[in-house]
Amino acid sequence: MPNRQNDADVKLDILHPMTMVGGIPDEYQSDCYHMENYRNATFILDVMGMGPGDTLTATVFDDSVETGDDSPMAVIDPTYGAVTATVVGNTDVQQASVTFGVGADVPVNGDTVTVNGVTFTYAAATSEPDREFTDLAGLIDCINDPDYGVSLVEAVDETTHLTLRSIGRGLATITLTSSTDARLICRTVMAQLYLEIDQGAVNKVVPYRFPNVGGPGVAPYDYAGIWAEATLVTAASLDVAGVVVRGRGRHAPKQQVAARDTRGV
């Protein structure tokens, strides 16, 4: 059951961390967040453990017509359209990894890894100018090379794999692919998305009835339902964490992210 909030300038709420199970579309629904004393709300999500082609779609709902069963009843005011964004594995992510295959799946000459449009090729010897590598250390050297590497991205040796991170944390994103996922395994360590909604885009007409405000014996009362909540849908196995920030002033996040959407801001 949602609760009335105070009139603080900024309110920060932690979304419950969750593991979403793959195989079938899995849906998570957040708590409801009260909007009356806040000009906007921003849902910020970290999505972790995605493979190539995995997707997660987040949508912010107007819960003004909440019926008490925690089911979203309407998308944000259709004047603004749905507030929704989809993250795709290995596309515009904050951190990613590359792991070499083993046994019958070791890399062979000609296998490639492409990071932000720059392609590196497995070969007999490592050569930064030729963007060729022969082992994990060689690939790290190629990516980090100041002349022939990838701008605003650093590769870090994690012993069994390398991790790609955007330099400056949010100044750039990372998109990577490989010519063979069996021999050069690319995975998303973390991708981010945000959804921002202005109070003006939320339906404020339908009242919400709080049945037990104040404890047992206190009469229910109707209150204009200015609420927002988010749903997440994926068919992949992944982890999600995040926060909701509500405030009185407008703000425009400058973070480079995998996906975003805003309405009424």
Protein backbone atom coordinates (compact mmCIF):
# COMPACT_ATOMS: atom_id res chain seq x y z
CA MET A 1 0.00 0.00 0.00
CA PRO A 2 1.49 3.36 -0.97
CA ASN A 3 1.94 6.04 1.67
CA ARG A 4 1.62 9.82 1.50
CA GLN A 5 4.98 11.51 1.26
CA ASN A 6 6.24 14.72 2.82
CA ASP A 7 7.22 17.81 0.88
CA ALA A 8 10.99 17.27 0.90
CA ASP A 9 12.91 18.90 -1.93
CA VAL A 10 14.32 15.55 -3.05
CA LYS A 11 13.13 12.06 -2.16
CA LEU A 12 15.28 9.01 -2.86
CA ASP A 13 13.84 5.50 -2.80
CA ILE A 14 15.74 2.27 -3.43
CA LEU A 15 14.06 -0.21 -5.76
CA HIS A 16 14.13 -3.75 -4.46
CA PRO A 17 17.05 -5.60 -6.15
CA MET A 18 15.74 -8.55 -8.10
CA THR A 19 16.82 -11.54 -10.15
CA MET A 20 14.61 -12.06 -13.18
CA VAL A 21 14.31 -15.64 -14.41
CA GLY A 22 14.70 -16.44 -18.08
CA GLY A 23 12.88 -18.88 -20.31
CA ILE A 24 9.53 -17.10 -20.26
CA PRO A 25 8.65 -13.40 -20.12
CA ASP A 26 9.17 -12.37 -16.50
CA GLU A 27 7.51 -9.23 -15.14
CA TYR A 28 8.34 -7.17 -12.07
CA GLN A 29 6.22 -4.34 -10.75
CA SER A 30 7.65 -1.67 -8.47
CA ASP A 31 5.97 0.05 -5.55
CA CYS A 32 3.79 3.09 -6.22
CA TYR A 33 5.45 6.49 -5.77
CA HIS A 34 3.44 9.52 -4.74
CA MET A 35 3.85 12.58 -6.99
CA GLU A 36 1.74 15.38 -5.53
CA ASN A 37 4.56 17.19 -3.72
CA TYR A 38 7.13 16.60 -6.47
CA ARG A 39 7.50 18.05 -9.91
CA ASN A 40 9.03 14.95 -11.44
CA ALA A 41 10.25 11.44 -10.81
CA THR A 42 13.19 9.64 -12.41
CA PHE A 43 13.46 5.85 -12.35
CA ILE A 44 17.15 4.86 -12.73
CA LEU A 45 17.96 1.19 -13.29
CA ASP A 46 21.15 -0.87 -13.42
CA VAL A 47 20.71 -4.04 -15.50
CA MET A 48 23.36 -6.73 -15.02
CA GLY A 49 24.30 -10.06 -16.57
CA MET A 50 22.88 -9.65 -20.09
CA GLY A 51 24.00 -11.65 -23.08
CA PRO A 52 23.90 -10.59 -26.76
CA GLY A 53 20.31 -10.09 -27.85
CA ASP A 54 18.88 -10.14 -24.31
CA THR A 55 16.39 -7.34 -23.70
CA LEU A 56 14.68 -5.68 -20.77
CA THR A 57 11.82 -3.20 -21.25
CA ALA A 58 10.85 -0.76 -18.50
CA THR A 59 7.61 1.25 -18.52
CA VAL A 60 6.38 3.89 -16.09
CA PHE A 61 2.67 3.66 -15.31
CA ASP A 62 0.23 6.24 -14.05
CA ASP A 63 -1.27 4.51 -11.03
CA SER A 64 -3.95 7.14 -10.45
CA VAL A 65 -6.66 4.55 -11.00
CA GLU A 66 -5.06 2.07 -8.64
CA THR A 67 -7.64 -0.35 -7.28
CA GLY A 68 -5.70 -1.57 -4.30
CA ASP A 69 -4.49 -4.80 -5.89
CA ASP A 70 -1.10 -3.39 -6.98
CA SER A 71 -1.97 -3.77 -10.65
CA PRO A 72 -1.13 -0.90 -13.02
CA MET A 73 -4.33 0.30 -14.62
CA ALA A 74 -3.21 2.91 -17.14
CA VAL A 75 -0.14 4.14 -18.92
CA ILE A 76 0.88 7.75 -18.29
CA ASP A 77 -1.49 10.35 -19.78
CA PRO A 78 -1.79 9.42 -23.50
CA THR A 79 -1.21 13.08 -24.39
CA TYR A 80 2.44 12.32 -23.71
CA GLY A 81 2.46 8.68 -24.76
CA ALA A 82 3.94 5.71 -22.95
CA VAL A 83 7.11 6.31 -20.95
CA THR A 84 9.13 3.27 -21.90
CA ALA A 85 12.65 2.21 -22.84
CA THR A 86 14.36 -1.06 -23.80
CA VAL A 87 17.91 -2.12 -22.99
CA VAL A 88 19.60 -4.57 -25.39
CA GLY A 89 22.51 -6.71 -24.25
CA ASN A 90 25.98 -5.50 -25.32
CA THR A 91 24.54 -2.30 -26.83
CA ASP A 92 25.43 1.10 -25.32
CA VAL A 93 26.27 -0.44 -21.94
CA GLN A 94 28.40 0.93 -19.08
CA GLN A 95 30.51 -2.19 -18.49
CA ALA A 96 31.06 -5.36 -20.51
CA SER A 97 33.31 -8.39 -20.52
CA VAL A 98 35.17 -10.54 -23.03
CA THR A 99 36.12 -14.13 -22.17
CA PHE A 100 38.17 -16.50 -24.32
CA GLY A 101 36.67 -19.90 -25.02
CA VAL A 102 38.46 -23.02 -23.82
CA GLY A 103 39.00 -26.57 -25.07
CA ALA A 104 37.47 -27.00 -28.50
CA ASP A 105 36.32 -23.37 -28.40
CA VAL A 106 39.65 -21.55 -28.15
CA PRO A 107 39.91 -18.58 -30.54
CA VAL A 108 41.35 -19.18 -33.99
CA ASN A 109 43.07 -16.83 -36.41
CA GLY A 110 40.55 -14.48 -37.98
CA ASP A 111 38.12 -14.35 -35.02
CA THR A 112 37.23 -10.77 -34.20
CA VAL A 113 35.97 -8.55 -31.39
CA THR A 114 34.48 -5.16 -32.24
CA VAL A 115 34.25 -2.44 -29.58
CA ASN A 116 32.49 0.81 -30.48
CA GLY A 117 33.13 0.22 -34.16
CA VAL A 118 36.83 -0.67 -33.77
CA THR A 119 37.61 -4.27 -34.80
CA PHE A 120 40.42 -6.37 -33.31
CA THR A 121 41.46 -9.68 -34.90
CA TYR A 122 42.90 -12.82 -33.33
CA ALA A 123 46.27 -13.59 -34.96
CA ALA A 124 49.60 -15.34 -34.44
CA ALA A 125 51.14 -12.29 -32.74
CA THR A 126 49.93 -9.13 -31.03
CA SER A 127 50.28 -5.89 -33.00
CA GLU A 128 48.61 -2.70 -31.78
CA PRO A 129 48.97 -0.85 -35.14
CA ASP A 130 47.39 -3.82 -36.93
CA ARG A 131 44.81 -4.25 -34.15
CA GLU A 132 45.74 -7.91 -33.82
CA PHE A 133 45.99 -9.93 -30.59
CA THR A 134 47.10 -13.41 -29.66
CA ASP A 135 45.90 -13.62 -26.04
CA LEU A 136 43.90 -11.76 -23.42
CA ALA A 137 46.80 -9.46 -22.53
CA GLY A 138 47.26 -8.61 -26.20
CA LEU A 139 43.59 -7.69 -26.62
CA ILE A 140 43.82 -5.45 -23.55
CA ASP A 141 46.90 -3.72 -24.97
CA CYS A 142 45.15 -3.19 -28.31
CA ILE A 143 41.99 -1.70 -26.77
CA ASN A 144 43.97 0.59 -24.43
CA ASP A 145 46.44 1.76 -27.08
CA PRO A 146 46.27 5.58 -27.28
CA ASP A 147 46.63 5.63 -31.08
CA TYR A 148 44.89 2.47 -32.28
CA GLY A 149 42.58 1.59 -29.39
CA VAL A 150 39.07 2.65 -28.41
CA SER A 151 38.41 6.21 -27.31
CA LEU A 152 36.90 6.73 -23.82
CA VAL A 153 37.02 3.00 -23.06
CA GLU A 154 39.49 1.10 -20.88
CA ALA A 155 40.09 -2.65 -20.73
CA VAL A 156 40.96 -4.15 -17.33
CA ASP A 157 42.60 -7.54 -16.77
CA GLU A 158 40.41 -9.73 -14.53
CA THR A 159 42.69 -12.82 -14.94
CA THR A 160 40.03 -15.06 -16.51
CA HIS A 161 38.51 -12.34 -18.70
CA LEU A 162 38.74 -8.64 -19.41
CA THR A 163 36.28 -5.96 -18.33
CA LEU A 164 35.52 -2.96 -20.51
CA ARG A 165 34.59 0.25 -18.70
CA SER A 166 33.75 3.70 -19.97
CA ILE A 167 36.32 6.26 -18.87
CA GLY A 168 34.75 9.00 -16.79
CA ARG A 169 31.84 6.78 -15.72
CA GLY A 170 29.00 7.96 -17.89
CA LEU A 171 30.83 9.98 -20.55
CA ALA A 172 30.52 7.14 -23.04
CA THR A 173 28.84 3.79 -23.55
CA ILE A 174 30.15 0.50 -24.93
CA THR A 175 28.79 -1.57 -27.80
CA LEU A 176 30.58 -4.83 -28.56
CA THR A 177 30.19 -7.87 -30.74
CA SER A 178 32.30 -10.87 -31.66
CA SER A 179 32.46 -12.96 -34.80
CA THR A 180 31.82 -16.09 -32.72
CA ASP A 181 30.17 -16.11 -29.31
CA ALA A 182 31.52 -19.57 -28.55
CA ARG A 183 35.20 -18.58 -28.85
CA LEU A 184 35.08 -14.87 -27.89
CA ILE A 185 32.27 -14.52 -25.36
CA CYS A 186 30.91 -10.99 -24.95
CA ARG A 187 28.60 -10.19 -22.06
CA THR A 188 27.06 -7.10 -20.47
CA VAL A 189 28.31 -6.53 -16.93
CA MET A 190 26.09 -3.47 -16.39
CA ALA A 191 23.78 -1.35 -18.52
CA GLN A 192 21.77 1.65 -17.32
CA LEU A 193 18.48 3.20 -18.29
CA TYR A 194 16.33 5.97 -16.92
CA LEU A 195 12.71 7.00 -17.29
CA GLU A 196 11.72 10.51 -16.29
CA ILE A 197 8.14 11.69 -15.85
CA ASP A 198 6.81 15.14 -14.99
CA GLN A 199 3.87 15.46 -12.65
CA GLY A 200 1.94 17.25 -15.41
CA ALA A 201 1.92 14.02 -17.43
CA VAL A 202 0.27 12.04 -14.63
CA ASN A 203 -3.49 11.70 -14.40
CA LYS A 204 -4.71 13.56 -11.31
CA VAL A 205 -8.46 13.08 -11.73
CA VAL A 206 -9.35 9.70 -10.29
CA PRO A 207 -9.27 9.66 -6.46
CA TYR A 208 -7.50 6.96 -4.53
CA ARG A 209 -9.08 5.52 -1.40
CA PHE A 210 -6.75 4.67 1.47
CA PRO A 211 -8.62 2.02 3.45
CA ASN A 212 -6.62 1.98 6.70
CA VAL A 213 -4.62 5.21 6.95
CA GLY A 214 -3.76 5.89 10.57
CA GLY A 215 -4.24 2.33 11.76
CA PRO A 216 -7.20 0.16 12.71
CA GLY A 217 -10.43 1.98 13.39
CA VAL A 218 -9.53 5.08 11.32
CA ALA A 219 -12.07 5.82 8.63
CA PRO A 220 -10.87 5.59 5.01
CA TYR A 221 -10.65 8.74 2.94
CA ASP A 222 -10.33 9.62 -0.72
CA TYR A 223 -7.23 11.41 -1.96
CA ALA A 224 -6.31 12.52 -5.45
CA GLY A 225 -4.20 9.69 -6.81
CA ILE A 226 -1.02 11.19 -8.24
CA TRP A 227 1.10 8.07 -8.42
CA ALA A 228 3.71 6.51 -10.68
CA GLU A 229 5.16 3.01 -10.76
CA ALA A 230 7.34 0.98 -13.12
CA THR A 231 7.12 -2.47 -14.63
CA LEU A 232 10.04 -4.46 -16.03
CA VAL A 233 9.63 -7.24 -18.58
CA THR A 234 12.30 -9.63 -19.91
CA ALA A 235 12.67 -13.18 -21.15
CA ALA A 236 16.35 -13.26 -20.13
CA SER A 237 18.05 -14.26 -16.88
CA LEU A 238 19.48 -11.07 -15.40
CA ASP A 239 19.68 -8.90 -12.28
CA VAL A 240 18.22 -5.42 -11.81
CA ALA A 241 18.73 -2.75 -9.15
CA GLY A 242 17.87 0.92 -9.08
CA VAL A 243 16.54 4.04 -7.43
CA VAL A 244 13.65 6.45 -7.83
CA VAL A 245 14.42 10.15 -7.42
CA ARG A 246 11.56 12.61 -6.93
CA GLY A 247 12.15 16.35 -6.75
CA ARG A 248 10.62 19.78 -7.08
CA GLY A 249 13.00 21.10 -9.72
CA ARG A 250 13.44 19.82 -13.23
CA HIS A 251 16.68 18.07 -14.03
CA ALA A 252 18.14 16.60 -17.19
CA PRO A 253 20.54 13.67 -16.57
CA LYS A 254 23.65 13.93 -18.73
CA GLN A 255 24.62 10.30 -18.18
CA GLN A 256 25.22 8.28 -21.33
CA VAL A 257 22.96 5.26 -20.96
CA ALA A 258 21.67 2.26 -22.90
CA ALA A 259 18.09 3.58 -23.06
CA ARG A 260 16.00 6.48 -21.83
CA ASP A 261 12.62 8.13 -22.17
CA THR A 262 11.09 11.30 -20.77
CA ARG A 263 7.59 12.75 -20.79
CA GLY A 264 6.31 16.18 -19.85
CA VAL A 265 9.75 17.49 -18.88
